[in-house]
Amino acid sequence: MDKESRIKKVLNVLLPVILALLFGAVFIAIAGENPLTTYATLVQRSLFDFRGLMQTLHFAAPLILTGLAIGISFKAGLFNMGIEACLLMSGLFVAVLGFRLGHLPSPVLIPILLGAGILVGVLTIIIPALLKAFFNVSELVVTLLMNYAVILLVTYLATYVFRDPSRGYISTHVISSNAIFSRMFGTRLTLFFFIALAVFALAFILYKYMRLGYEMNALGKNLPFSEAVGINVRWKIVTIMSISGALGGLAGAGWMMSHAYAYTPWFSTNPGLGWEGLLIALLGSESPLGILIAAIFYGALKYGGYTIARYTSVPSEIIGIIQAFLILFLSIQFIRRHRLLDKFKGWFKTDKSHKEEGA
């Protein structure tokens, strides 16, 4: 990559962030605070204060995994939007198993729950993967719709099948203390963050040094050429989407064991850790290192909402406004980069021609 291309790539990442912060500054000024002072408080409390940094890394852990889950599929040209579904399914089943297998010691129970979360993530995404691989059904449409079906399913299960009747709201039983990651250094940071870091390292090796990484890149750039050179495209699609689902499932399991401790309707926060993973993947340009940096930045924003509400008169909702603008600008960039409008037009034209032929 030449110098001009690198500069362009950096600008593509920084421009949406700068624009989002500028629009956020307008609302901070409306609230009667100095935007520069507010942002300085956010950065200092989230990144340059020990306890604040530990909080930031805690919030970044699931985002590293969901960002990598989506980034890996995008790298292969697969628009897998089902990571939120994988995370929710995993979170629910890990909550149930974490309660019912609570008699097991931590060294046995924790690996079982992490493995169960990974398995549930793979099983959740496998149907869209097979439909894409063998019938060329749009994974974008199927996974988007699947998210809403899964939300209804897990809500039903948490409400009627696995609900803890002793609680006055929709919730499963709290997982056993043996299933909970211990906090480190007297902060909220747990082993889950270091598991996410290990996965980042594996993803970096996959991208740079493994054959599958080369094949992912080839699929993303030119699928017909990939078939021509002997890549088994169908099974590679299934493999890549399964890895993506596994990472989403691991994120759900880890978040349950390090933060939530029981499944509730707000387990995945708002707009959802899976959807935030999409933002992280776009902000990190789908590369492992970029995703790691983007996840920590976004974690600082999430924790920063608490700090600016505490140390300034700006409400914490301002972070939601900045996130919304960030999503807007990154979405525009994503649509332009992948020419999604042209693809949608192509689908509509194809559907129209089929109807005319049938008539």
Protein backbone atom coordinates (compact mmCIF):
# COMPACT_ATOMS: atom_id res chain seq x y z
CA MET A 1 0.00 0.00 0.00
CA ASP A 2 1.49 3.37 -1.06
CA LYS A 3 1.64 6.47 1.13
CA GLU A 4 -1.35 8.13 -0.52
CA SER A 5 -3.54 5.05 0.03
CA ARG A 6 -2.53 4.86 3.70
CA ILE A 7 -3.38 8.54 4.24
CA LYS A 8 -6.74 8.02 2.55
CA LYS A 9 -7.45 4.98 4.74
CA VAL A 10 -6.60 6.89 7.93
CA LEU A 11 -8.81 9.81 6.86
CA ASN A 12 -11.69 7.42 6.15
CA VAL A 13 -11.44 6.23 9.76
CA LEU A 14 -10.86 9.60 11.42
CA LEU A 15 -13.40 11.67 9.48
CA PRO A 16 -16.55 9.99 10.89
CA VAL A 17 -15.11 10.25 14.43
CA ILE A 18 -14.24 13.94 14.01
CA LEU A 19 -17.67 14.75 12.55
CA ALA A 20 -19.46 12.87 15.34
CA LEU A 21 -17.45 14.71 18.00
CA LEU A 22 -18.15 18.05 16.31
CA PHE A 23 -21.89 17.43 16.27
CA GLY A 24 -21.65 16.24 19.87
CA ALA A 25 -19.85 19.47 20.75
CA VAL A 26 -22.88 21.45 19.55
CA PHE A 27 -25.16 19.65 22.00
CA ILE A 28 -22.61 20.00 24.81
CA ALA A 29 -22.54 23.76 24.17
CA ILE A 30 -26.35 23.81 24.25
CA ALA A 31 -26.14 22.14 27.68
CA GLY A 32 -24.04 25.09 28.82
CA GLU A 33 -20.64 23.39 29.05
CA ASN A 34 -17.36 23.93 27.21
CA PRO A 35 -17.00 21.05 24.69
CA LEU A 36 -13.20 20.99 24.99
CA THR A 37 -13.35 20.79 28.79
CA THR A 38 -16.01 18.06 28.61
CA TYR A 39 -14.02 15.97 26.13
CA ALA A 40 -10.85 16.47 28.18
CA THR A 41 -12.69 15.18 31.26
CA LEU A 42 -13.94 12.18 29.31
CA VAL A 43 -10.46 11.28 28.02
CA GLN A 44 -8.69 11.87 31.33
CA ARG A 45 -11.20 9.87 33.42
CA SER A 46 -11.55 7.01 30.91
CA LEU A 47 -7.97 6.50 29.74
CA PHE A 48 -5.53 8.28 32.07
CA ASP A 49 -7.03 7.29 35.42
CA PHE A 50 -6.23 3.73 36.56
CA ARG A 51 -9.72 2.77 37.70
CA GLY A 52 -11.24 4.53 34.72
CA LEU A 53 -8.95 2.68 32.32
CA MET A 54 -9.90 -0.64 33.92
CA GLN A 55 -13.58 0.24 33.42
CA THR A 56 -12.89 1.15 29.79
CA LEU A 57 -11.15 -2.18 29.15
CA HIS A 58 -14.03 -3.99 30.86
CA PHE A 59 -16.53 -2.44 28.47
CA ALA A 60 -14.17 -3.01 25.51
CA ALA A 61 -13.87 -6.80 26.04
CA PRO A 62 -17.14 -7.93 24.37
CA LEU A 63 -16.73 -5.26 21.67
CA ILE A 64 -13.35 -6.70 20.65
CA LEU A 65 -15.05 -10.06 20.05
CA THR A 66 -18.18 -8.78 18.31
CA GLY A 67 -16.04 -6.42 16.22
CA LEU A 68 -13.78 -9.29 15.15
CA ALA A 69 -16.84 -11.48 14.48
CA ILE A 70 -18.25 -8.98 12.01
CA GLY A 71 -14.85 -7.90 10.67
CA ILE A 72 -13.92 -11.46 9.72
CA SER A 73 -17.15 -11.96 7.77
CA PHE A 74 -16.84 -8.57 6.04
CA LYS A 75 -13.25 -9.40 5.06
CA ALA A 76 -14.63 -12.38 3.15
CA GLY A 77 -17.36 -10.29 1.52
CA LEU A 78 -20.07 -11.76 3.75
CA PHE A 79 -22.53 -9.31 5.31
CA ASN A 80 -23.20 -11.24 8.50
CA MET A 81 -25.54 -9.10 10.62
CA GLY A 82 -26.51 -11.92 13.00
CA ILE A 83 -23.91 -11.42 15.75
CA GLU A 84 -26.49 -9.87 18.06
CA ALA A 85 -28.56 -13.06 17.74
CA CYS A 86 -25.51 -15.23 18.51
CA LEU A 87 -24.69 -13.11 21.56
CA LEU A 88 -28.26 -13.20 22.94
CA MET A 89 -28.69 -16.94 22.47
CA SER A 90 -25.32 -17.60 24.07
CA GLY A 91 -26.04 -15.27 26.98
CA LEU A 92 -29.35 -16.99 27.77
CA PHE A 93 -28.02 -20.55 27.64
CA VAL A 94 -24.88 -19.71 29.59
CA ALA A 95 -27.10 -18.11 32.25
CA VAL A 96 -29.19 -21.28 32.50
CA LEU A 97 -26.17 -23.62 32.57
CA GLY A 98 -24.29 -21.34 34.96
CA PHE A 99 -27.13 -21.72 37.44
CA ARG A 100 -27.88 -25.42 36.97
CA LEU A 101 -24.25 -26.58 36.92
CA GLY A 102 -23.27 -24.31 39.79
CA HIS A 103 -22.11 -27.25 41.90
CA LEU A 104 -19.09 -27.73 39.63
CA PRO A 105 -15.80 -26.05 40.64
CA SER A 106 -14.73 -22.93 38.75
CA PRO A 107 -11.81 -24.55 36.83
CA VAL A 108 -14.30 -27.03 35.35
CA LEU A 109 -17.41 -24.88 35.04
CA ILE A 110 -15.92 -21.79 33.39
CA PRO A 111 -14.40 -23.68 30.38
CA ILE A 112 -17.69 -25.60 29.99
CA LEU A 113 -19.67 -22.36 29.86
CA LEU A 114 -17.27 -20.69 27.44
CA GLY A 115 -17.40 -23.77 25.20
CA ALA A 116 -21.21 -23.83 25.42
CA GLY A 117 -21.35 -20.17 24.44
CA ILE A 118 -19.15 -20.79 21.40
CA LEU A 119 -21.25 -23.80 20.37
CA VAL A 120 -24.52 -21.90 20.70
CA GLY A 121 -23.08 -19.06 18.60
CA VAL A 122 -22.12 -21.49 15.83
CA LEU A 123 -25.51 -23.24 15.89
CA THR A 124 -27.30 -19.89 15.74
CA ILE A 125 -25.47 -18.78 12.59
CA ILE A 126 -25.22 -22.14 10.81
CA ILE A 127 -28.58 -21.96 8.99
CA PRO A 128 -27.87 -18.56 7.34
CA ALA A 129 -24.38 -19.88 6.51
CA LEU A 130 -25.73 -22.99 4.76
CA LEU A 131 -28.42 -21.00 2.94
CA LYS A 132 -25.74 -18.62 1.62
CA ALA A 133 -23.25 -21.35 0.72
CA PHE A 134 -25.56 -23.81 -1.05
CA PHE A 135 -28.53 -21.73 -2.23
CA ASN A 136 -26.97 -18.25 -2.56
CA VAL A 137 -29.63 -16.76 -0.26
CA SER A 138 -28.63 -13.26 0.85
CA GLU A 139 -27.00 -13.58 4.26
CA LEU A 140 -27.62 -9.85 4.83
CA VAL A 141 -31.40 -10.29 4.69
CA VAL A 142 -31.51 -13.63 6.54
CA THR A 143 -29.30 -12.56 9.45
CA LEU A 144 -31.06 -9.21 9.84
CA LEU A 145 -34.43 -10.96 10.12
CA MET A 146 -32.95 -13.66 12.35
CA ASN A 147 -32.02 -11.08 14.99
CA TYR A 148 -35.66 -10.17 15.56
CA ALA A 149 -36.77 -13.81 15.65
CA VAL A 150 -34.08 -14.60 18.23
CA ILE A 151 -35.04 -11.59 20.38
CA LEU A 152 -38.63 -12.88 20.53
CA LEU A 153 -37.43 -16.43 21.25
CA VAL A 154 -35.05 -15.58 24.08
CA THR A 155 -37.57 -13.16 25.60
CA TYR A 156 -40.17 -15.93 25.64
CA LEU A 157 -37.71 -18.42 27.18
CA ALA A 158 -36.55 -15.95 29.83
CA THR A 159 -40.15 -14.97 30.62
CA TYR A 160 -41.83 -18.38 30.79
CA VAL A 161 -39.35 -21.27 30.72
CA PHE A 162 -36.23 -20.19 32.63
CA ARG A 163 -37.58 -17.28 34.68
CA ASP A 164 -36.60 -16.82 38.31
CA PRO A 165 -40.01 -16.47 40.04
CA SER A 166 -38.46 -14.74 43.02
CA ARG A 167 -37.65 -11.65 40.94
CA GLY A 168 -40.17 -8.94 40.19
CA TYR A 169 -38.99 -8.51 36.60
CA ILE A 170 -38.06 -10.75 33.67
CA SER A 171 -34.83 -12.51 34.59
CA THR A 172 -33.29 -15.94 34.76
CA HIS A 173 -31.69 -17.18 37.97
CA VAL A 174 -28.35 -15.60 38.83
CA ILE A 175 -25.45 -17.79 37.77
CA SER A 176 -23.40 -19.57 40.43
CA SER A 177 -20.46 -17.74 41.98
CA ASN A 178 -18.30 -20.54 40.53
CA ALA A 179 -19.28 -19.32 37.05
CA ILE A 180 -18.32 -15.69 37.63
CA PHE A 181 -14.97 -14.26 36.54
CA SER A 182 -13.16 -12.76 39.54
CA ARG A 183 -12.44 -9.04 39.41
CA MET A 184 -8.83 -7.91 39.22
CA PHE A 185 -6.95 -5.11 41.02
CA GLY A 186 -10.10 -4.12 42.93
CA THR A 187 -11.73 -2.95 39.70
CA ARG A 188 -14.33 -4.38 37.28
CA LEU A 189 -11.67 -5.80 34.97
CA THR A 190 -11.76 -9.61 34.72
CA LEU A 191 -10.09 -12.46 32.87
CA PHE A 192 -12.64 -11.96 30.09
CA PHE A 193 -10.67 -8.99 28.74
CA PHE A 194 -7.53 -11.11 28.44
CA ILE A 195 -9.51 -13.86 26.69
CA ALA A 196 -10.63 -11.21 24.20
CA LEU A 197 -6.99 -10.13 23.79
CA ALA A 198 -5.96 -13.74 23.10
CA VAL A 199 -8.67 -14.00 20.43
CA PHE A 200 -7.40 -10.73 18.91
CA ALA A 201 -3.89 -12.24 18.73
CA LEU A 202 -5.27 -15.37 17.01
CA ALA A 203 -7.23 -13.22 14.55
CA PHE A 204 -4.08 -11.21 13.79
CA ILE A 205 -2.18 -14.43 13.05
CA LEU A 206 -5.10 -15.69 10.94
CA TYR A 207 -5.13 -12.54 8.81
CA LYS A 208 -1.37 -12.34 8.34
CA TYR A 209 0.04 -15.84 8.28
CA MET A 210 -2.62 -18.51 7.74
CA ARG A 211 -4.04 -19.88 4.51
CA LEU A 212 -7.61 -19.23 5.63
CA GLY A 213 -6.76 -15.53 5.99
CA TYR A 214 -5.56 -15.44 2.38
CA GLU A 215 -8.70 -17.26 1.26
CA MET A 216 -10.92 -14.82 3.18
CA ASN A 217 -9.24 -11.93 1.44
CA ALA A 218 -9.61 -13.64 -1.95
CA LEU A 219 -13.33 -14.31 -1.38
CA GLY A 220 -13.90 -10.72 -0.39
CA LYS A 221 -12.14 -9.30 -3.43
CA ASN A 222 -13.22 -11.69 -6.18
CA LEU A 223 -15.42 -14.69 -5.51
CA PRO A 224 -15.47 -16.10 -9.09
CA PHE A 225 -11.67 -15.93 -9.21
CA SER A 226 -11.50 -17.76 -5.85
CA GLU A 227 -13.54 -20.60 -7.34
CA ALA A 228 -11.34 -20.63 -10.43
CA VAL A 229 -8.14 -21.10 -8.43
CA GLY A 230 -9.57 -24.09 -6.55
CA ILE A 231 -10.91 -22.62 -3.31
CA ASN A 232 -13.93 -24.57 -2.07
CA VAL A 233 -16.06 -21.47 -1.77
CA ARG A 234 -19.14 -23.14 -0.27
CA TRP A 235 -17.37 -24.70 2.70
CA LYS A 236 -15.20 -21.62 3.18
CA ILE A 237 -18.39 -19.55 3.54
CA VAL A 238 -19.70 -22.02 6.14
CA THR A 239 -16.34 -22.01 7.96
CA ILE A 240 -15.97 -18.23 8.04
CA MET A 241 -19.54 -17.60 9.18
CA SER A 242 -19.16 -20.32 11.83
CA ILE A 243 -16.02 -18.60 13.17
CA SER A 244 -17.95 -15.34 13.18
CA GLY A 245 -20.84 -16.94 15.10
CA ALA A 246 -18.41 -18.59 17.54
CA LEU A 247 -16.89 -15.21 18.41
CA GLY A 248 -20.36 -13.72 18.92
CA GLY A 249 -21.24 -16.63 21.20
CA LEU A 250 -18.01 -16.21 23.17
CA ALA A 251 -18.81 -12.51 23.62
CA GLY A 252 -22.23 -13.39 25.04
CA ALA A 253 -20.81 -16.01 27.39
CA GLY A 254 -18.03 -13.74 28.64
CA TRP A 255 -20.35 -10.77 29.18
CA MET A 256 -22.73 -12.97 31.18
CA MET A 257 -19.89 -14.25 33.37
CA SER A 258 -18.16 -10.89 33.86
CA HIS A 259 -20.96 -8.33 33.97
CA ALA A 260 -24.61 -9.41 33.72
CA TYR A 261 -24.75 -12.62 35.85
CA ALA A 262 -28.40 -13.26 34.80
CA TYR A 263 -30.27 -12.93 31.52
CA THR A 264 -32.63 -9.94 31.38
CA PRO A 265 -34.18 -8.02 28.46
CA TRP A 266 -31.38 -5.44 28.81
CA PHE A 267 -28.56 -8.02 28.82
CA SER A 268 -27.07 -6.66 25.59
CA THR A 269 -27.57 -2.97 26.50
CA ASN A 270 -28.79 -0.49 23.88
CA PRO A 271 -28.38 -0.58 20.88
CA GLY A 272 -26.82 -4.00 21.58
CA LEU A 273 -23.29 -5.36 21.81
CA GLY A 274 -23.69 -7.14 18.46
CA TRP A 275 -24.77 -3.96 16.71
CA GLU A 276 -21.97 -2.05 18.40
CA GLY A 277 -19.61 -4.72 17.04
CA LEU A 278 -20.69 -3.63 13.55
CA LEU A 279 -19.67 -0.09 14.43
CA ILE A 280 -16.34 -1.32 15.81
CA ALA A 281 -15.63 -3.35 12.66
CA LEU A 282 -16.33 -0.35 10.45
CA LEU A 283 -14.34 2.02 12.64
CA GLY A 284 -11.43 -0.44 12.69
CA SER A 285 -11.52 -0.93 8.90
CA GLU A 286 -12.13 -4.67 9.48
CA SER A 287 -8.51 -5.25 10.58
CA PRO A 288 -7.75 -6.89 13.96
CA LEU A 289 -5.50 -4.07 15.21
CA GLY A 290 -7.97 -1.42 14.06
CA ILE A 291 -10.81 -3.29 15.78
CA LEU A 292 -8.84 -3.50 19.05
CA ILE A 293 -8.16 0.25 19.03
CA ALA A 294 -11.76 1.04 18.02
CA ALA A 295 -13.14 -1.19 20.81
CA ILE A 296 -11.04 0.57 23.46
CA PHE A 297 -12.06 3.96 22.06
CA TYR A 298 -15.72 2.95 22.15
CA GLY A 299 -15.31 1.49 25.63
CA ALA A 300 -13.93 4.87 26.73
CA LEU A 301 -17.00 6.54 25.24
CA LYS A 302 -19.34 4.16 27.10
CA TYR A 303 -17.64 4.69 30.45
CA GLY A 304 -17.21 8.37 29.61
CA GLY A 305 -20.97 8.80 29.71
CA TYR A 306 -20.87 8.12 33.46
CA THR A 307 -17.88 10.36 34.09
CA ILE A 308 -19.10 13.47 32.29
CA ALA A 309 -22.49 13.19 34.02
CA ARG A 310 -20.66 13.03 37.35
CA TYR A 311 -18.05 15.74 36.81
CA THR A 312 -19.92 18.15 34.51
CA SER A 313 -23.50 19.32 34.01
CA VAL A 314 -23.71 17.51 30.67
CA PRO A 315 -26.16 14.55 30.80
CA SER A 316 -24.78 11.08 30.01
CA GLU A 317 -27.20 10.85 27.07
CA ILE A 318 -24.78 13.05 25.10
CA ILE A 319 -22.69 9.91 24.53
CA GLY A 320 -25.72 8.31 22.87
CA ILE A 321 -25.96 11.31 20.53
CA ILE A 322 -22.26 11.02 19.62
CA GLN A 323 -22.70 7.28 19.03
CA ALA A 324 -25.72 7.91 16.83
CA PHE A 325 -23.81 10.36 14.64
CA LEU A 326 -20.87 7.96 14.50
CA ILE A 327 -23.18 5.17 13.33
CA LEU A 328 -24.73 7.50 10.73
CA PHE A 329 -21.42 8.60 9.19
CA LEU A 330 -19.88 5.12 9.27
CA SER A 331 -23.03 3.64 7.69
CA ILE A 332 -22.85 6.12 4.82
CA GLN A 333 -19.19 5.22 4.33
CA PHE A 334 -19.99 1.48 4.51
CA ILE A 335 -22.81 1.75 1.94
CA ARG A 336 -20.57 3.66 -0.46
CA ARG A 337 -17.57 1.35 0.00
CA HIS A 338 -19.53 -1.84 -0.64
CA ARG A 339 -21.90 -0.26 -3.20
CA LEU A 340 -24.91 -1.65 -1.35
CA LEU A 341 -27.34 0.68 -3.14
CA ASP A 342 -26.27 -0.82 -6.46
CA LYS A 343 -26.73 -4.32 -5.03
CA PHE A 344 -30.22 -3.50 -3.76
CA LYS A 345 -31.12 -2.05 -7.16
CA GLY A 346 -29.84 -5.25 -8.76
CA TRP A 347 -31.99 -7.39 -6.47
CA PHE A 348 -35.10 -5.33 -7.24
CA LYS A 349 -34.41 -5.48 -10.98
CA THR A 350 -33.94 -9.26 -10.80
CA ASP A 351 -37.16 -9.66 -8.82
CA LYS A 352 -39.04 -7.44 -11.27
CA SER A 353 -37.76 -9.37 -14.31
CA HIS A 354 -38.83 -12.67 -12.69
CA LYS A 355 -42.33 -11.29 -12.16
CA GLU A 356 -42.55 -10.07 -15.74
CA GLU A 357 -41.42 -13.47 -17.02
CA GLY A 358 -44.05 -15.16 -14.83
CA ALA A 359 -46.73 -12.86 -16.19
